[in-house]
N, C-alpha and C. Protein backbone atom coordinates (compact mmCIF):
# COMPACT_ATOMS: atom_id res chain seq x y z
N GLU A 1 -9.44 -12.98 12.50
CA GLU A 1 -10.60 -12.78 11.97
C GLU A 1 -10.06 -12.42 10.66
N ARG A 2 -10.29 -12.83 9.64
CA ARG A 2 -10.02 -12.44 8.17
C ARG A 2 -10.33 -10.96 7.75
N THR A 3 -11.68 -10.76 8.18
CA THR A 3 -12.47 -9.47 7.39
C THR A 3 -12.13 -8.27 8.47
N SER A 4 -11.97 -8.60 9.73
CA SER A 4 -11.48 -7.41 10.64
C SER A 4 -9.91 -7.32 10.79
N SER A 5 -9.24 -8.17 10.52
CA SER A 5 -7.79 -8.16 10.58
C SER A 5 -7.59 -8.06 11.79
N THR A 6 -8.12 -9.20 13.09
CA THR A 6 -7.64 -9.30 14.32
C THR A 6 -7.64 -11.08 14.66
N LEU A 7 -6.74 -10.48 15.59
CA LEU A 7 -6.31 -12.08 16.58
C LEU A 7 -7.17 -12.26 17.73
N SER A 8 -7.85 -13.37 18.06
CA SER A 8 -8.45 -13.61 19.18
C SER A 8 -8.02 -14.47 20.05
N ALA A 9 -7.43 -14.22 21.57
CA ALA A 9 -7.05 -15.26 22.26
C ALA A 9 -8.07 -15.60 23.44
N PHE A 10 -7.89 -17.01 23.49
CA PHE A 10 -8.66 -17.50 24.34
C PHE A 10 -8.13 -18.58 25.46
N ARG A 11 -8.46 -18.41 26.51
CA ARG A 11 -7.89 -19.49 27.79
C ARG A 11 -8.61 -21.02 27.85
N VAL A 12 -8.03 -22.13 27.96
CA VAL A 12 -8.31 -23.36 27.81
C VAL A 12 -8.38 -23.65 29.69
N GLN A 13 -9.36 -24.16 29.95
CA GLN A 13 -9.65 -24.70 31.43
C GLN A 13 -8.93 -26.31 31.03
N SER A 14 -7.97 -26.26 31.92
CA SER A 14 -7.63 -28.02 31.43
C SER A 14 -8.35 -29.16 31.83
N ASP A 15 -9.22 -28.50 33.00
CA ASP A 15 -10.20 -29.63 33.62
C ASP A 15 -11.56 -30.21 32.81
N SER A 16 -12.03 -28.97 31.85
CA SER A 16 -13.20 -28.92 31.36
C SER A 16 -12.81 -28.58 29.70
N GLY A 17 -11.86 -28.27 29.33
CA GLY A 17 -11.84 -27.77 28.06
C GLY A 17 -12.72 -26.52 27.72
N ARG A 18 -13.08 -25.79 28.60
CA ARG A 18 -13.99 -24.65 28.30
C ARG A 18 -13.10 -23.71 27.82
N LEU A 19 -13.73 -22.77 26.88
CA LEU A 19 -12.62 -21.50 26.50
C LEU A 19 -13.38 -19.78 26.81
N THR A 20 -12.47 -19.31 27.64
CA THR A 20 -12.95 -18.25 28.02
C THR A 20 -11.84 -17.07 27.24
N HIS A 21 -12.69 -16.11 26.60
CA HIS A 21 -11.94 -14.90 25.77
C HIS A 21 -11.32 -14.04 26.48
N ILE A 22 -9.78 -13.87 25.84
CA ILE A 22 -9.06 -13.10 26.65
C ILE A 22 -8.84 -11.66 26.14
N GLY A 23 -9.29 -11.87 24.70
CA GLY A 23 -9.04 -10.21 23.94
C GLY A 23 -8.92 -10.55 22.59
N THR A 24 -9.41 -9.70 21.76
CA THR A 24 -9.18 -9.40 20.50
C THR A 24 -8.15 -8.57 20.15
N TYR A 25 -7.08 -8.69 19.22
CA TYR A 25 -6.09 -7.76 18.87
C TYR A 25 -6.00 -7.38 17.45
N PRO A 26 -5.82 -6.44 16.98
CA PRO A 26 -5.33 -5.99 15.45
C PRO A 26 -4.35 -6.43 15.23
N THR A 27 -4.40 -6.75 13.83
CA THR A 27 -2.99 -7.42 13.20
C THR A 27 -2.67 -7.30 11.79
N GLN A 28 -1.91 -7.93 11.23
CA GLN A 28 -1.93 -7.89 9.93
C GLN A 28 -2.96 -8.11 8.81
N THR A 29 -3.50 -7.30 8.02
CA THR A 29 -4.65 -7.26 6.87
C THR A 29 -4.35 -8.60 6.51
N GLN A 30 -5.76 -8.96 6.49
CA GLN A 30 -6.44 -10.41 6.19
C GLN A 30 -5.41 -11.14 7.08
N PRO A 31 -5.59 -11.28 8.62
CA PRO A 31 -4.73 -12.74 8.60
C PRO A 31 -4.80 -13.87 7.87
N ARG A 32 -3.62 -14.71 7.97
CA ARG A 32 -3.60 -15.69 7.17
C ARG A 32 -3.02 -17.02 7.70
N ASP A 33 -1.98 -16.85 8.70
CA ASP A 33 -1.49 -17.62 9.44
C ASP A 33 -0.70 -17.26 10.47
N PHE A 34 -0.57 -18.02 11.68
CA PHE A 34 0.25 -17.59 12.98
C PHE A 34 0.57 -18.70 13.43
N ALA A 35 1.97 -18.58 14.34
CA ALA A 35 2.60 -19.42 14.94
C ALA A 35 3.02 -19.28 16.26
N ILE A 36 3.17 -19.65 17.32
CA ILE A 36 3.59 -19.91 18.60
C ILE A 36 4.46 -20.17 18.86
N ALA A 37 5.87 -19.60 19.18
CA ALA A 37 7.41 -20.00 19.71
C ALA A 37 7.25 -21.19 20.31
N PRO A 38 8.05 -22.24 20.41
CA PRO A 38 8.08 -23.12 21.19
C PRO A 38 8.33 -23.03 22.90
N SER A 39 9.00 -21.94 23.07
CA SER A 39 8.96 -21.47 24.61
C SER A 39 7.52 -20.84 24.83
N GLY A 40 6.45 -20.75 23.99
CA GLY A 40 5.13 -20.14 24.39
C GLY A 40 5.25 -18.76 24.62
N ARG A 41 6.16 -17.98 24.78
CA ARG A 41 6.54 -16.80 24.86
C ARG A 41 5.78 -15.58 23.91
N TYR A 42 6.20 -16.11 22.69
CA TYR A 42 5.70 -15.17 21.43
C TYR A 42 4.92 -15.88 20.59
N LEU A 43 4.19 -14.75 19.62
CA LEU A 43 3.42 -15.02 18.80
C LEU A 43 3.57 -14.47 17.70
N LEU A 44 3.70 -15.25 16.09
CA LEU A 44 3.84 -14.47 15.04
C LEU A 44 2.63 -14.40 14.33
N ALA A 45 2.55 -13.45 13.30
CA ALA A 45 1.39 -13.56 12.59
C ALA A 45 1.74 -13.06 11.28
N VAL A 46 1.13 -13.31 10.32
CA VAL A 46 1.39 -12.66 8.83
C VAL A 46 0.15 -12.35 8.33
N GLY A 47 -0.09 -11.52 7.50
CA GLY A 47 -1.61 -11.13 6.43
C GLY A 47 -1.38 -11.54 5.15
N GLU A 48 -2.33 -11.93 4.57
CA GLU A 48 -2.39 -11.95 3.12
C GLU A 48 -2.53 -10.69 2.37
N GLN A 49 -2.88 -10.05 2.87
CA GLN A 49 -2.74 -8.59 1.87
C GLN A 49 -2.30 -7.39 2.94
N SER A 50 -0.93 -7.99 3.18
CA SER A 50 0.00 -6.93 3.86
C SER A 50 1.30 -7.44 3.08
N ASP A 51 2.48 -6.94 3.86
CA ASP A 51 3.58 -7.44 3.31
C ASP A 51 4.56 -7.20 4.60
N ALA A 52 3.88 -7.68 5.69
CA ALA A 52 4.91 -7.66 6.94
C ALA A 52 4.14 -9.07 8.16
N LEU A 53 5.14 -9.23 9.09
CA LEU A 53 5.12 -9.97 9.84
C LEU A 53 4.95 -9.19 11.26
N SER A 54 4.01 -9.36 12.30
CA SER A 54 4.03 -8.80 13.42
C SER A 54 4.21 -9.94 14.34
N THR A 55 4.99 -9.50 15.43
CA THR A 55 5.47 -10.24 16.98
C THR A 55 4.54 -9.63 18.21
N TYR A 56 4.38 -10.37 18.90
CA TYR A 56 3.65 -10.07 20.03
C TYR A 56 4.39 -10.85 21.07
N THR A 57 4.40 -10.38 22.23
CA THR A 57 4.64 -11.45 23.90
C THR A 57 3.43 -11.73 23.92
N ILE A 58 3.64 -13.16 25.04
CA ILE A 58 2.30 -13.45 25.59
C ILE A 58 2.57 -13.31 26.69
N ASP A 59 1.82 -12.93 27.65
CA ASP A 59 1.93 -12.76 28.90
C ASP A 59 1.59 -14.33 29.65
N ASN A 60 2.69 -14.72 30.70
CA ASN A 60 2.65 -16.10 30.94
C ASN A 60 1.61 -16.45 32.04
N LYS A 61 0.91 -15.65 32.45
CA LYS A 61 -0.07 -15.83 33.49
C LYS A 61 -1.24 -15.21 32.98
N THR A 62 -1.39 -14.29 32.12
CA THR A 62 -2.67 -13.66 31.67
C THR A 62 -3.10 -14.23 30.52
N GLY A 63 -2.16 -14.87 29.49
CA GLY A 63 -2.69 -14.93 28.40
C GLY A 63 -2.70 -14.00 27.26
N VAL A 64 -2.57 -12.39 27.56
CA VAL A 64 -2.66 -11.18 27.08
C VAL A 64 -1.62 -11.33 26.42
N LEU A 65 -1.81 -10.94 24.72
CA LEU A 65 -0.85 -10.50 23.70
C LEU A 65 -0.61 -9.00 23.72
N GLN A 66 0.76 -8.71 23.57
CA GLN A 66 1.19 -7.30 23.49
C GLN A 66 2.13 -7.29 22.10
N HIS A 67 1.51 -6.50 21.17
CA HIS A 67 2.55 -6.31 20.03
C HIS A 67 3.91 -5.83 20.61
N CYS A 68 5.00 -6.43 19.95
CA CYS A 68 6.31 -5.86 20.21
C CYS A 68 6.85 -5.10 18.48
N SER A 69 7.02 -5.66 17.48
CA SER A 69 7.21 -5.13 16.31
C SER A 69 6.74 -5.60 15.10
N GLN A 70 6.92 -5.10 13.91
CA GLN A 70 6.51 -5.51 12.91
C GLN A 70 7.82 -5.51 11.75
N VAL A 71 7.76 -6.37 11.00
CA VAL A 71 8.87 -6.51 10.14
C VAL A 71 8.30 -7.01 8.79
N ALA A 72 9.18 -6.16 7.54
CA ALA A 72 8.59 -6.40 6.27
C ALA A 72 9.36 -7.55 5.87
N VAL A 73 8.50 -8.64 5.53
CA VAL A 73 8.79 -9.88 4.80
C VAL A 73 8.38 -10.18 3.42
N GLY A 74 7.91 -9.42 2.50
CA GLY A 74 7.71 -9.15 1.29
C GLY A 74 6.19 -9.24 1.05
N GLN A 75 5.93 -9.33 -0.10
CA GLN A 75 4.07 -9.14 -0.68
C GLN A 75 3.64 -10.52 -0.31
N ASN A 76 2.33 -10.47 0.30
CA ASN A 76 1.55 -11.40 0.54
C ASN A 76 1.87 -12.32 0.94
N PRO A 77 2.40 -12.60 2.37
CA PRO A 77 2.84 -13.60 3.19
C PRO A 77 1.83 -14.63 3.30
N THR A 78 1.73 -15.98 3.28
CA THR A 78 0.59 -16.73 3.61
C THR A 78 0.78 -17.86 4.80
N TRP A 79 1.97 -17.82 5.17
CA TRP A 79 2.64 -18.68 6.24
C TRP A 79 3.71 -18.40 7.09
N VAL A 80 3.67 -18.77 8.26
CA VAL A 80 4.50 -18.22 9.00
C VAL A 80 5.12 -19.96 10.08
N GLU A 81 6.18 -19.92 10.09
CA GLU A 81 7.24 -21.02 10.97
C GLU A 81 8.03 -20.91 11.92
N VAL A 82 7.77 -21.04 12.91
CA VAL A 82 9.06 -21.20 14.40
C VAL A 82 9.71 -22.05 14.25
N ILE A 83 11.33 -22.28 14.28
CA ILE A 83 11.89 -23.27 14.40
C ILE A 83 12.93 -22.79 15.65
N ASP A 84 13.58 -24.01 16.19
CA ASP A 84 14.50 -24.00 17.04
C ASP A 84 15.75 -24.08 16.52
N LEU A 85 16.59 -23.40 16.36
CA LEU A 85 18.02 -23.71 15.71
C LEU A 85 18.76 -24.09 17.06
N PRO A 86 19.74 -25.07 16.41
CA PRO A 86 20.70 -25.85 17.69
C PRO A 86 21.78 -24.63 17.83
N GLY A 87 22.52 -24.78 19.15
CA GLY A 87 23.32 -23.66 19.70
C GLY A 87 22.87 -22.61 19.41
């Protein structure tokens, strides 16, 4: 959420599509974009009023996010992309 600088996580029930709130997590100032790694194990987030990228692990059973690290990426990042490189 851009005004509170948080990410909210939800679980989707496969049979009904119903959402269940898992948690709300602090992130970069004025979050602008996030991406989930193809493995589903990591979430990366950047904030438009920040200069860093935050990484989180995603618990594969509960969906709970755990902050791992923060890396400087330059001023005002507005998007993040995760790609798989061959080899």
